[in-house]
Amino acid sequence: MIHKKEDGSGATLLGLDIFAAYVAFACISTLYAYWWDIKMDWGFLDHTSTGHKNKYLRDELLYAGGKKFVYFIIMGLDLVLRCVWTINISLADWKFVHKQYVITGTAVLEAFRRAVWNFIRLENEHLNNCGQFRAVRDINVRVITEHHKHDEAKDEDSDREDMKKRTPSAPPSRKLSVAKQRRQSTTSAASSRGSLGHPSAAGSALDLKLDTNV
């Protein structure tokens, strides 16, 4: 099944070069993993979005103030770092640097790629949770600066002004009529209490009328 080449450069499997097959499958795996990063994990290339304001990305972008070029740079960087494995398979031809140094460097690059992947994945998951009402957007994943605090204070002030405008207030004429009714009711109550409290006045008037008739 597996045979050595006559020149000793490599092995073959059923007449195929094993190393070439390994590289071909590794390239396919890299491209598929990159597509999964972009489409499934990060939510980019969203053709079903309603706004289409961020082409090849998604409607809402939270990092870097929503600047699209930052996300395109991250997409390109992810593809480059996904292909770092090609350096490791070519170390046999490198004579000017130690092998362990190169392996350590590629490991650091892979750790950096995964850190960037985590940030964008967190952003996409947060937006999905809010869009499907599994979470609220009270927690801001952006870096809060003084400029953002100033904008939030302005938004709160504008909300207060809108609430004041929407709150209905009684017109001045109505307020005056209510006060007038209160005064009239107070006057009538006082007069009724006065008439009930002095029955002798009515009695004296009746005695005077009887005396005149006699």
N, C-alpha and C. Protein backbone atom coordinates (compact mmCIF):
# COMPACT_ATOMS: atom_id res chain seq x y z
N MET A 1 0.82 -1.21 0.00
CA MET A 1 0.00 0.00 0.00
C MET A 1 0.86 1.26 0.00
N ILE A 2 1.71 1.40 1.03
CA ILE A 2 2.58 2.57 1.12
C ILE A 2 3.96 2.17 0.62
N HIS A 3 4.48 2.96 -0.30
CA HIS A 3 5.77 2.66 -0.92
C HIS A 3 6.64 3.90 -0.85
N LYS A 4 7.93 3.70 -0.65
CA LYS A 4 8.92 4.77 -0.70
C LYS A 4 9.24 5.09 -2.15
N LYS A 5 9.45 6.38 -2.39
CA LYS A 5 9.90 6.76 -3.72
C LYS A 5 11.34 6.30 -3.92
N GLU A 6 11.69 6.13 -5.18
CA GLU A 6 13.04 5.66 -5.49
C GLU A 6 14.11 6.66 -5.05
N ASP A 7 13.81 7.97 -5.15
CA ASP A 7 14.80 8.97 -4.73
C ASP A 7 14.77 9.20 -3.23
N GLY A 8 13.84 8.56 -2.49
CA GLY A 8 13.77 8.71 -1.04
C GLY A 8 13.20 10.03 -0.58
N SER A 9 12.53 10.78 -1.48
CA SER A 9 11.98 12.09 -1.12
C SER A 9 10.68 12.00 -0.37
N GLY A 10 9.95 10.89 -0.46
CA GLY A 10 8.68 10.78 0.21
C GLY A 10 8.03 9.45 -0.03
N ALA A 11 6.79 9.30 0.51
CA ALA A 11 6.07 8.04 0.37
C ALA A 11 4.83 8.26 -0.47
N THR A 12 4.32 7.17 -1.00
CA THR A 12 3.12 7.23 -1.82
C THR A 12 2.10 6.25 -1.27
N LEU A 13 0.82 6.59 -1.46
CA LEU A 13 -0.29 5.73 -1.06
C LEU A 13 -1.17 5.54 -2.27
N LEU A 14 -1.18 4.30 -2.79
CA LEU A 14 -1.94 3.99 -4.00
C LEU A 14 -1.54 4.90 -5.15
N GLY A 15 -0.27 5.17 -5.22
CA GLY A 15 0.25 5.99 -6.30
C GLY A 15 0.17 7.48 -6.07
N LEU A 16 -0.36 7.92 -4.90
CA LEU A 16 -0.50 9.35 -4.61
C LEU A 16 0.53 9.76 -3.56
N ASP A 17 1.01 10.97 -3.71
CA ASP A 17 1.98 11.50 -2.75
C ASP A 17 1.26 11.81 -1.44
N ILE A 18 1.70 11.22 -0.32
CA ILE A 18 1.04 11.41 0.97
C ILE A 18 1.16 12.86 1.42
N PHE A 19 2.31 13.46 1.25
CA PHE A 19 2.49 14.83 1.68
C PHE A 19 1.59 15.79 0.90
N ALA A 20 1.47 15.57 -0.41
CA ALA A 20 0.59 16.42 -1.23
C ALA A 20 -0.86 16.25 -0.80
N ALA A 21 -1.24 15.02 -0.48
CA ALA A 21 -2.62 14.79 -0.03
C ALA A 21 -2.86 15.46 1.32
N TYR A 22 -1.86 15.39 2.19
CA TYR A 22 -1.99 16.05 3.50
C TYR A 22 -2.16 17.56 3.33
N VAL A 23 -1.37 18.17 2.47
CA VAL A 23 -1.47 19.61 2.24
C VAL A 23 -2.82 19.97 1.64
N ALA A 24 -3.32 19.16 0.72
CA ALA A 24 -4.61 19.44 0.09
C ALA A 24 -5.73 19.39 1.12
N PHE A 25 -5.75 18.35 1.94
CA PHE A 25 -6.80 18.25 2.96
C PHE A 25 -6.65 19.34 4.02
N ALA A 26 -5.44 19.71 4.34
CA ALA A 26 -5.22 20.79 5.31
C ALA A 26 -5.74 22.12 4.77
N CYS A 27 -5.56 22.36 3.48
CA CYS A 27 -6.08 23.60 2.88
C CYS A 27 -7.60 23.62 2.90
N ILE A 28 -8.22 22.47 2.58
CA ILE A 28 -9.68 22.39 2.63
C ILE A 28 -10.19 22.62 4.04
N SER A 29 -9.52 22.02 5.02
CA SER A 29 -9.92 22.20 6.42
C SER A 29 -9.78 23.65 6.86
N THR A 30 -8.71 24.30 6.41
CA THR A 30 -8.49 25.71 6.79
C THR A 30 -9.57 26.60 6.21
N LEU A 31 -9.91 26.41 4.94
CA LEU A 31 -10.93 27.24 4.32
C LEU A 31 -12.30 27.02 4.96
N TYR A 32 -12.61 25.77 5.29
CA TYR A 32 -13.90 25.49 5.93
C TYR A 32 -13.94 26.10 7.33
N ALA A 33 -12.85 25.99 8.08
CA ALA A 33 -12.82 26.59 9.42
C ALA A 33 -12.92 28.12 9.35
N TYR A 34 -12.30 28.70 8.34
CA TYR A 34 -12.39 30.16 8.18
C TYR A 34 -13.81 30.58 7.85
N TRP A 35 -14.48 29.84 6.95
CA TRP A 35 -15.88 30.16 6.63
C TRP A 35 -16.75 30.02 7.87
N TRP A 36 -16.50 29.01 8.69
CA TRP A 36 -17.29 28.83 9.91
C TRP A 36 -17.06 29.99 10.88
N ASP A 37 -15.82 30.46 10.97
CA ASP A 37 -15.55 31.62 11.82
C ASP A 37 -16.35 32.83 11.37
N ILE A 38 -16.31 33.12 10.08
CA ILE A 38 -16.91 34.34 9.55
C ILE A 38 -18.44 34.27 9.58
N LYS A 39 -18.98 33.17 9.11
CA LYS A 39 -20.43 33.08 8.93
C LYS A 39 -21.16 32.66 10.20
N MET A 40 -20.72 31.58 10.82
CA MET A 40 -21.47 30.99 11.92
C MET A 40 -21.11 31.60 13.28
N ASP A 41 -19.81 31.77 13.52
CA ASP A 41 -19.40 32.27 14.83
C ASP A 41 -19.49 33.78 14.96
N TRP A 42 -19.17 34.51 13.90
CA TRP A 42 -19.17 35.97 13.96
C TRP A 42 -20.42 36.60 13.37
N GLY A 43 -21.20 35.85 12.62
CA GLY A 43 -22.45 36.39 12.07
C GLY A 43 -22.26 37.31 10.88
N PHE A 44 -21.10 37.29 10.23
CA PHE A 44 -20.88 38.13 9.05
C PHE A 44 -21.46 37.46 7.80
N LEU A 45 -21.40 38.16 6.68
CA LEU A 45 -21.98 37.68 5.41
C LEU A 45 -23.46 37.39 5.59
N ASP A 46 -24.14 38.29 6.31
CA ASP A 46 -25.55 38.09 6.64
C ASP A 46 -26.40 38.65 5.50
N HIS A 47 -26.84 37.79 4.62
CA HIS A 47 -27.66 38.23 3.48
C HIS A 47 -29.13 38.34 3.86
N THR A 48 -29.53 37.86 5.01
CA THR A 48 -30.94 37.92 5.42
C THR A 48 -31.23 39.13 6.31
N SER A 49 -30.25 40.00 6.53
CA SER A 49 -30.47 41.16 7.38
C SER A 49 -31.43 42.12 6.71
N THR A 50 -32.09 42.92 7.53
CA THR A 50 -33.13 43.82 7.01
C THR A 50 -32.56 45.15 6.55
N GLY A 51 -31.52 45.64 7.20
CA GLY A 51 -31.02 46.96 6.88
C GLY A 51 -30.04 47.00 5.72
N HIS A 52 -29.17 46.00 5.62
CA HIS A 52 -28.13 45.96 4.60
C HIS A 52 -27.26 47.22 4.65
N LYS A 53 -27.08 47.79 5.83
CA LYS A 53 -26.27 49.00 5.92
C LYS A 53 -24.79 48.68 6.02
N ASN A 54 -24.45 47.47 6.44
CA ASN A 54 -23.05 47.05 6.54
C ASN A 54 -22.86 45.85 5.62
N LYS A 55 -22.48 46.11 4.40
CA LYS A 55 -22.38 45.05 3.41
C LYS A 55 -21.28 44.07 3.80
N TYR A 56 -21.58 42.79 3.62
CA TYR A 56 -20.70 41.67 3.95
C TYR A 56 -20.45 41.52 5.44
N LEU A 57 -21.11 42.32 6.25
CA LEU A 57 -20.96 42.20 7.70
C LEU A 57 -22.33 41.87 8.28
N ARG A 58 -22.76 42.61 9.29
CA ARG A 58 -24.10 42.47 9.85
C ARG A 58 -24.62 43.86 10.19
N ASP A 59 -25.90 43.94 10.57
CA ASP A 59 -26.53 45.25 10.76
C ASP A 59 -25.92 46.02 11.92
N GLU A 60 -25.61 45.35 13.02
CA GLU A 60 -25.14 46.03 14.22
C GLU A 60 -23.69 45.67 14.50
N LEU A 61 -22.88 46.72 14.69
CA LEU A 61 -21.46 46.57 15.02
C LEU A 61 -21.19 47.39 16.27
N LEU A 62 -20.64 46.76 17.30
CA LEU A 62 -20.47 47.44 18.58
C LEU A 62 -19.05 47.94 18.81
N TYR A 63 -18.06 47.23 18.31
CA TYR A 63 -16.68 47.61 18.58
C TYR A 63 -16.23 48.71 17.62
N ALA A 64 -15.21 49.45 18.07
CA ALA A 64 -14.55 50.48 17.25
C ALA A 64 -15.53 51.51 16.72
N GLY A 65 -16.60 51.77 17.47
CA GLY A 65 -17.57 52.76 17.03
C GLY A 65 -18.32 52.36 15.78
N GLY A 66 -18.37 51.05 15.48
CA GLY A 66 -19.09 50.60 14.29
C GLY A 66 -18.34 50.84 12.98
N LYS A 67 -17.01 51.05 13.04
CA LYS A 67 -16.23 51.28 11.82
C LYS A 67 -16.03 49.97 11.08
N LYS A 68 -16.48 49.94 9.84
CA LYS A 68 -16.48 48.68 9.09
C LYS A 68 -15.09 48.21 8.73
N PHE A 69 -14.17 49.14 8.45
CA PHE A 69 -12.85 48.71 8.00
C PHE A 69 -12.12 47.92 9.08
N VAL A 70 -12.42 48.18 10.36
CA VAL A 70 -11.80 47.41 11.44
C VAL A 70 -12.21 45.95 11.36
N TYR A 71 -13.47 45.70 11.07
CA TYR A 71 -13.95 44.33 10.97
C TYR A 71 -13.39 43.63 9.74
N PHE A 72 -13.21 44.36 8.64
CA PHE A 72 -12.60 43.75 7.46
C PHE A 72 -11.13 43.39 7.72
N ILE A 73 -10.44 44.24 8.47
CA ILE A 73 -9.05 43.92 8.85
C ILE A 73 -9.01 42.66 9.70
N ILE A 74 -9.94 42.53 10.63
CA ILE A 74 -9.99 41.34 11.49
C ILE A 74 -10.28 40.09 10.66
N MET A 75 -11.16 40.22 9.66
CA MET A 75 -11.47 39.07 8.81
C MET A 75 -10.23 38.63 8.04
N GLY A 76 -9.50 39.59 7.47
CA GLY A 76 -8.27 39.24 6.75
C GLY A 76 -7.20 38.67 7.67
N LEU A 77 -7.09 39.24 8.87
CA LEU A 77 -6.10 38.75 9.83
C LEU A 77 -6.41 37.32 10.26
N ASP A 78 -7.69 37.00 10.41
CA ASP A 78 -8.06 35.65 10.79
C ASP A 78 -7.67 34.64 9.71
N LEU A 79 -7.83 35.02 8.45
CA LEU A 79 -7.44 34.12 7.36
C LEU A 79 -5.94 33.90 7.34
N VAL A 80 -5.17 34.97 7.52
CA VAL A 80 -3.71 34.85 7.52
C VAL A 80 -3.24 33.96 8.66
N LEU A 81 -3.78 34.20 9.86
CA LEU A 81 -3.36 33.41 11.02
C LEU A 81 -3.85 31.97 10.94
N ARG A 82 -4.92 31.73 10.20
CA ARG A 82 -5.37 30.36 10.00
C ARG A 82 -4.37 29.55 9.16
N CYS A 83 -3.59 30.24 8.36
CA CYS A 83 -2.64 29.58 7.47
C CYS A 83 -1.23 29.50 8.06
N VAL A 84 -1.09 29.77 9.33
CA VAL A 84 0.24 29.73 9.96
C VAL A 84 0.80 28.31 9.97
N TRP A 85 -0.07 27.32 9.91
CA TRP A 85 0.40 25.93 9.93
C TRP A 85 1.34 25.63 8.77
N THR A 86 1.23 26.41 7.69
CA THR A 86 2.12 26.16 6.54
C THR A 86 3.58 26.44 6.89
N ILE A 87 3.80 27.28 7.90
CA ILE A 87 5.18 27.55 8.32
C ILE A 87 5.78 26.32 8.98
N ASN A 88 4.99 25.66 9.81
CA ASN A 88 5.50 24.50 10.54
C ASN A 88 5.87 23.34 9.61
N ILE A 89 5.11 23.14 8.54
CA ILE A 89 5.40 22.01 7.66
C ILE A 89 6.58 22.30 6.74
N SER A 90 7.02 23.53 6.68
CA SER A 90 8.16 23.87 5.82
C SER A 90 9.44 24.09 6.62
N LEU A 91 9.45 23.69 7.90
CA LEU A 91 10.63 23.93 8.74
C LEU A 91 11.83 23.11 8.30
N ALA A 92 11.59 22.01 7.60
CA ALA A 92 12.72 21.17 7.18
C ALA A 92 13.65 21.91 6.23
N ASP A 93 13.11 22.90 5.51
CA ASP A 93 13.92 23.64 4.55
C ASP A 93 14.53 24.90 5.16
N TRP A 94 14.24 25.20 6.45
CA TRP A 94 14.75 26.41 7.08
C TRP A 94 16.08 26.09 7.77
N LYS A 95 17.11 26.79 7.37
CA LYS A 95 18.43 26.57 7.95
C LYS A 95 18.91 27.77 8.76
N PHE A 96 18.20 28.90 8.67
CA PHE A 96 18.69 30.13 9.30
C PHE A 96 18.06 30.40 10.67
N VAL A 97 17.14 29.59 11.13
CA VAL A 97 16.50 29.80 12.41
C VAL A 97 16.23 28.43 13.06
N HIS A 98 16.25 28.45 14.37
CA HIS A 98 16.03 27.19 15.09
C HIS A 98 14.55 26.81 15.00
N LYS A 99 14.29 25.53 14.92
CA LYS A 99 12.93 25.02 14.76
C LYS A 99 12.03 25.37 15.94
N GLN A 100 12.54 25.29 17.15
CA GLN A 100 11.73 25.55 18.34
C GLN A 100 11.29 27.01 18.42
N TYR A 101 12.13 27.91 17.94
CA TYR A 101 11.75 29.33 17.93
C TYR A 101 10.54 29.56 17.03
N VAL A 102 10.55 28.91 15.87
CA VAL A 102 9.45 29.08 14.93
C VAL A 102 8.16 28.48 15.50
N ILE A 103 8.26 27.32 16.12
CA ILE A 103 7.08 26.69 16.70
C ILE A 103 6.50 27.56 17.81
N THR A 104 7.36 28.15 18.64
CA THR A 104 6.89 29.03 19.71
C THR A 104 6.20 30.27 19.13
N GLY A 105 6.78 30.84 18.09
CA GLY A 105 6.17 32.01 17.46
C GLY A 105 4.81 31.72 16.86
N THR A 106 4.68 30.59 16.19
CA THR A 106 3.38 30.23 15.61
C THR A 106 2.34 29.95 16.70
N ALA A 107 2.79 29.40 17.83
CA ALA A 107 1.85 29.16 18.94
C ALA A 107 1.34 30.48 19.51
N VAL A 108 2.21 31.47 19.62
CA VAL A 108 1.78 32.79 20.11
C VAL A 108 0.80 33.43 19.13
N LEU A 109 1.05 33.30 17.84
CA LEU A 109 0.13 33.85 16.84
C LEU A 109 -1.24 33.17 16.91
N GLU A 110 -1.24 31.87 17.13
CA GLU A 110 -2.51 31.15 17.25
C GLU A 110 -3.28 31.60 18.49
N ALA A 111 -2.56 31.84 19.60
CA ALA A 111 -3.22 32.33 20.81
C ALA A 111 -3.82 33.72 20.57
N PHE A 112 -3.10 34.56 19.83
CA PHE A 112 -3.62 35.90 19.50
C PHE A 112 -4.87 35.79 18.62
N ARG A 113 -4.85 34.90 17.64
CA ARG A 113 -6.01 34.72 16.76
C ARG A 113 -7.23 34.29 17.55
N ARG A 114 -7.03 33.38 18.49
CA ARG A 114 -8.16 32.90 19.29
C ARG A 114 -8.69 33.98 20.23
N ALA A 115 -7.82 34.86 20.71
CA ALA A 115 -8.28 35.97 21.56
C ALA A 115 -9.17 36.92 20.76
N VAL A 116 -8.74 37.27 19.54
CA VAL A 116 -9.56 38.13 18.67
C VAL A 116 -10.88 37.44 18.33
N TRP A 117 -10.81 36.14 18.05
CA TRP A 117 -12.02 35.37 17.75
C TRP A 117 -13.01 35.44 18.91
N ASN A 118 -12.51 35.34 20.14
CA ASN A 118 -13.39 35.38 21.31
C ASN A 118 -14.13 36.71 21.43
N PHE A 119 -13.45 37.83 21.15
CA PHE A 119 -14.09 39.14 21.24
C PHE A 119 -15.24 39.26 20.24
N ILE A 120 -15.00 38.89 18.98
CA ILE A 120 -16.06 39.01 17.97
C ILE A 120 -17.17 38.01 18.23
N ARG A 121 -16.80 36.83 18.71
CA ARG A 121 -17.83 35.82 19.04
C ARG A 121 -18.71 36.31 20.19
N LEU A 122 -18.12 36.95 21.18
CA LEU A 122 -18.88 37.51 22.29
C LEU A 122 -19.85 38.58 21.81
N GLU A 123 -19.38 39.43 20.91
CA GLU A 123 -20.26 40.48 20.37
C GLU A 123 -21.45 39.88 19.64
N ASN A 124 -21.20 38.90 18.80
CA ASN A 124 -22.28 38.29 18.02
C ASN A 124 -23.27 37.56 18.93
N GLU A 125 -22.78 36.86 19.94
CA GLU A 125 -23.67 36.15 20.86
C GLU A 125 -24.52 37.13 21.66
N HIS A 126 -23.92 38.25 22.06
CA HIS A 126 -24.67 39.26 22.81
C HIS A 126 -25.80 39.84 21.95
N LEU A 127 -25.52 40.13 20.68
CA LEU A 127 -26.55 40.67 19.80
C LEU A 127 -27.64 39.64 19.52
N ASN A 128 -27.26 38.38 19.39
CA ASN A 128 -28.28 37.33 19.17
C ASN A 128 -29.18 37.17 20.39
N ASN A 129 -28.60 37.22 21.58
CA ASN A 129 -29.41 37.11 22.79
C ASN A 129 -30.39 38.26 22.91
N CYS A 130 -29.94 39.47 22.59
CA CYS A 130 -30.84 40.63 22.65
C CYS A 130 -31.90 40.56 21.56
N GLY A 131 -31.51 40.12 20.36
CA GLY A 131 -32.47 40.05 19.27
C GLY A 131 -33.55 39.02 19.50
N GLN A 132 -33.23 37.96 20.20
CA GLN A 132 -34.22 36.92 20.50
C GLN A 132 -34.80 37.06 21.90
N PHE A 133 -34.60 38.22 22.51
CA PHE A 133 -35.18 38.56 23.82
C PHE A 133 -34.76 37.58 24.92
N ARG A 134 -33.54 37.05 24.80
CA ARG A 134 -32.99 36.22 25.86
C ARG A 134 -32.13 37.04 26.82
N ALA A 135 -31.91 38.29 26.48
CA ALA A 135 -31.12 39.18 27.34
C ALA A 135 -31.50 40.61 26.99
N VAL A 136 -31.10 41.54 27.81
CA VAL A 136 -31.35 42.96 27.57
C VAL A 136 -30.03 43.63 27.26
N ARG A 137 -30.12 44.81 26.67
CA ARG A 137 -28.91 45.49 26.24
C ARG A 137 -28.45 46.55 27.22
N ASP A 138 -28.77 46.34 28.52
CA ASP A 138 -28.33 47.31 29.52
C ASP A 138 -26.82 47.26 29.74
N ILE A 139 -26.20 46.09 29.52
CA ILE A 139 -24.76 45.96 29.69
C ILE A 139 -24.09 46.25 28.35
N ASN A 140 -23.26 47.27 28.32
CA ASN A 140 -22.61 47.68 27.09
C ASN A 140 -21.26 46.99 26.99
N VAL A 141 -21.02 46.29 25.88
CA VAL A 141 -19.75 45.59 25.72
C VAL A 141 -18.68 46.50 25.12
N ARG A 142 -19.04 47.70 24.74
CA ARG A 142 -18.04 48.64 24.24
C ARG A 142 -17.23 49.22 25.38
N VAL A 143 -16.07 49.72 25.04
CA VAL A 143 -15.26 50.41 26.03
C VAL A 143 -15.87 51.78 26.27
N ILE A 144 -16.26 52.05 27.53
CA ILE A 144 -16.92 53.30 27.87
C ILE A 144 -15.88 54.39 28.07
N THR A 145 -15.97 55.45 27.31
CA THR A 145 -15.06 56.59 27.41
C THR A 145 -15.84 57.81 27.89
N GLU A 146 -15.11 58.89 28.11
CA GLU A 146 -15.77 60.13 28.54
C GLU A 146 -16.73 60.63 27.48
N HIS A 147 -16.41 60.41 26.21
CA HIS A 147 -17.30 60.85 25.13
C HIS A 147 -18.62 60.10 25.20
N HIS A 148 -18.57 58.79 25.46
CA HIS A 148 -19.80 58.01 25.57
C HIS A 148 -20.62 58.45 26.79
N LYS A 149 -19.93 58.76 27.91
CA LYS A 149 -20.65 59.22 29.09
C LYS A 149 -21.36 60.54 28.80
N HIS A 150 -20.69 61.45 28.07
CA HIS A 150 -21.31 62.73 27.73
C HIS A 150 -22.53 62.53 26.84
N ASP A 151 -22.44 61.61 25.87
CA ASP A 151 -23.58 61.33 25.01
C ASP A 151 -24.75 60.74 25.79
N GLU A 152 -24.46 59.85 26.74
CA GLU A 152 -25.53 59.26 27.54
C GLU A 152 -26.20 60.31 28.42
N ALA A 153 -25.41 61.26 28.97
CA ALA A 153 -26.00 62.33 29.77
C ALA A 153 -26.91 63.21 28.92
N LYS A 154 -26.50 63.50 27.68
CA LYS A 154 -27.33 64.30 26.78
C LYS A 154 -28.62 63.57 26.45
N ASP A 155 -28.53 62.25 26.24
CA ASP A 155 -29.74 61.48 25.95
C ASP A 155 -30.71 61.51 27.14
N GLU A 156 -30.18 61.40 28.35
CA GLU A 156 -31.05 61.45 29.53
C GLU A 156 -31.72 62.81 29.67
N ASP A 157 -30.97 63.90 29.40
CA ASP A 157 -31.56 65.24 29.47
C ASP A 157 -32.67 65.40 28.42
N SER A 158 -32.43 64.92 27.23
CA SER A 158 -33.47 65.03 26.19
C SER A 158 -34.71 64.21 26.55
N ASP A 159 -34.51 63.05 27.19
CA ASP A 159 -35.66 62.25 27.63
C ASP A 159 -36.47 62.99 28.68
N ARG A 160 -35.79 63.67 29.60
CA ARG A 160 -36.52 64.44 30.62
C ARG A 160 -37.32 65.57 29.97
N GLU A 161 -36.74 66.26 28.99
CA GLU A 161 -37.47 67.34 28.32
C GLU A 161 -38.69 66.81 27.60
N ASP A 162 -38.55 65.63 26.97
CA ASP A 162 -39.71 65.04 26.28
C ASP A 162 -40.81 64.68 27.27
N MET A 163 -40.44 64.17 28.44
CA MET A 163 -41.44 63.83 29.44
C MET A 163 -42.16 65.08 29.95
N LYS A 164 -41.42 66.18 30.11
CA LYS A 164 -42.07 67.42 30.55
C LYS A 164 -43.05 67.93 29.51
N LYS A 165 -42.68 67.81 28.22
CA LYS A 165 -43.57 68.27 27.16
C LYS A 165 -44.83 67.40 27.06
N ARG A 166 -44.67 66.10 27.32
CA ARG A 166 -45.81 65.19 27.21
C ARG A 166 -46.75 65.27 28.40
N THR A 167 -46.28 65.74 29.56
CA THR A 167 -47.12 65.80 30.76
C THR A 167 -48.14 66.91 30.61
N PRO A 168 -49.46 66.63 30.62
CA PRO A 168 -50.47 67.69 30.45
C PRO A 168 -50.60 68.54 31.71
N SER A 169 -50.79 69.83 31.51
CA SER A 169 -50.98 70.76 32.64
C SER A 169 -52.31 71.48 32.48
N ALA A 170 -53.00 71.76 33.60
CA ALA A 170 -54.31 72.41 33.56
C ALA A 170 -54.16 73.86 33.10
N PRO A 171 -55.06 74.36 32.23
CA PRO A 171 -54.96 75.75 31.78
C PRO A 171 -55.23 76.71 32.92
N PRO A 172 -54.72 77.96 32.84
CA PRO A 172 -54.92 78.95 33.92
C PRO A 172 -56.38 79.24 34.20
N SER A 173 -57.24 79.32 33.15
CA SER A 173 -58.65 79.63 33.37
C SER A 173 -59.33 78.57 34.21
N ARG A 174 -58.94 77.31 33.95
CA ARG A 174 -59.54 76.23 34.74
C ARG A 174 -59.12 76.32 36.19
N LYS A 175 -57.83 76.66 36.41
CA LYS A 175 -57.36 76.80 37.78
C LYS A 175 -58.11 77.91 38.50
N LEU A 176 -58.40 79.04 37.79
CA LEU A 176 -59.12 80.15 38.41
C LEU A 176 -60.56 79.76 38.72
N SER A 177 -61.20 79.03 37.79
CA SER A 177 -62.59 78.63 38.04
C SER A 177 -62.68 77.69 39.23
N VAL A 178 -61.72 76.80 39.37
CA VAL A 178 -61.74 75.91 40.52
C VAL A 178 -61.59 76.68 41.81
N ALA A 179 -60.70 77.68 41.82
CA ALA A 179 -60.51 78.49 43.03
C ALA A 179 -61.77 79.30 43.34
N LYS A 180 -62.46 79.81 42.29
CA LYS A 180 -63.69 80.57 42.49
C LYS A 180 -64.78 79.70 43.08
N GLN A 181 -64.91 78.46 42.57
CA GLN A 181 -65.91 77.54 43.12
C GLN A 181 -65.65 77.24 44.59
N ARG A 182 -64.38 77.10 44.93
CA ARG A 182 -64.06 76.84 46.32
C ARG A 182 -64.47 78.01 47.22
N ARG A 183 -64.20 79.24 46.75
CA ARG A 183 -64.58 80.42 47.54
C ARG A 183 -66.09 80.51 47.70
N GLN A 184 -66.84 80.23 46.62
CA GLN A 184 -68.30 80.30 46.71
C GLN A 184 -68.85 79.25 47.67
N SER A 185 -68.27 78.03 47.58
CA SER A 185 -68.75 77.00 48.50
C SER A 185 -68.45 77.37 49.94
N THR A 186 -67.30 77.99 50.19
CA THR A 186 -66.95 78.42 51.54
C THR A 186 -67.90 79.51 52.04
N THR A 187 -68.25 80.46 51.15
CA THR A 187 -69.16 81.56 51.52
C THR A 187 -70.56 81.04 51.83
N SER A 188 -71.06 80.12 50.99
CA SER A 188 -72.41 79.58 51.22
C SER A 188 -72.47 78.78 52.52
N ALA A 189 -71.41 78.04 52.79
CA ALA A 189 -71.39 77.25 54.03
C ALA A 189 -71.39 78.17 55.24
N ALA A 190 -70.62 79.26 55.16
CA ALA A 190 -70.57 80.20 56.28
C ALA A 190 -71.93 80.86 56.49
N SER A 191 -72.61 81.24 55.41
CA SER A 191 -73.91 81.89 55.55
C SER A 191 -74.95 80.95 56.14
N SER A 192 -74.89 79.67 55.71
CA SER A 192 -75.85 78.71 56.25
C SER A 192 -75.60 78.48 57.74
N ARG A 193 -74.35 78.41 58.13
CA ARG A 193 -74.06 78.26 59.55
C ARG A 193 -74.52 79.48 60.35
N GLY A 194 -74.43 80.70 59.75
CA GLY A 194 -74.86 81.92 60.46
C GLY A 194 -76.36 81.94 60.66
N SER A 195 -77.11 81.54 59.67
CA SER A 195 -78.57 81.55 59.80
C SER A 195 -79.06 80.52 60.80
N LEU A 196 -78.41 79.38 60.87
CA LEU A 196 -78.81 78.36 61.83
C LEU A 196 -78.38 78.71 63.24
N GLY A 197 -77.35 79.49 63.37
CA GLY A 197 -76.83 79.79 64.70
C GLY A 197 -77.52 80.94 65.40
N HIS A 198 -78.39 81.71 64.73
CA HIS A 198 -79.06 82.86 65.33
C HIS A 198 -80.56 82.77 65.08
N PRO A 199 -81.28 81.87 65.76
CA PRO A 199 -82.75 81.78 65.58
C PRO A 199 -83.50 82.90 66.28
N SER A 200 -82.87 83.62 67.22
CA SER A 200 -83.55 84.70 67.94
C SER A 200 -83.90 85.87 67.04
N ALA A 201 -83.12 86.01 65.96
CA ALA A 201 -83.41 87.12 65.05
C ALA A 201 -84.77 86.91 64.39
N ALA A 202 -85.02 85.68 63.94
CA ALA A 202 -86.33 85.41 63.32
C ALA A 202 -87.45 85.52 64.34
N GLY A 203 -87.18 85.10 65.61
CA GLY A 203 -88.22 85.19 66.65
C GLY A 203 -88.56 86.62 66.99
N SER A 204 -87.61 87.50 67.09
CA SER A 204 -87.88 88.91 67.42
C SER A 204 -88.68 89.58 66.32
N ALA A 205 -88.38 89.21 65.07
CA ALA A 205 -89.14 89.81 63.96
C ALA A 205 -90.59 89.37 64.02
N LEU A 206 -90.86 88.11 64.40
CA LEU A 206 -92.24 87.62 64.51
C LEU A 206 -92.99 88.31 65.66
N ASP A 207 -92.34 88.53 66.83
CA ASP A 207 -92.97 89.23 67.96
C ASP A 207 -93.34 90.65 67.58
N LEU A 208 -92.43 91.29 66.81
CA LEU A 208 -92.71 92.67 66.42
C LEU A 208 -93.94 92.74 65.53
N LYS A 209 -94.13 91.79 64.64
CA LYS A 209 -95.28 91.80 63.76
C LYS A 209 -96.58 91.56 64.54
N LEU A 210 -96.54 90.67 65.56
CA LEU A 210 -97.73 90.43 66.34
C LEU A 210 -98.10 91.64 67.16
N ASP A 211 -97.15 92.40 67.69
CA ASP A 211 -97.45 93.61 68.48
C ASP A 211 -98.14 94.65 67.64
N THR A 212 -97.73 94.82 66.41
CA THR A 212 -98.32 95.82 65.55
C THR A 212 -99.76 95.48 65.20
N ASN A 213 -100.03 94.19 65.06
CA ASN A 213 -101.39 93.78 64.73
C ASN A 213 -102.32 94.01 65.91
N VAL A 214 -101.83 93.85 67.12
CA VAL A 214 -102.66 94.07 68.28
C VAL A 214 -102.99 95.56 68.42
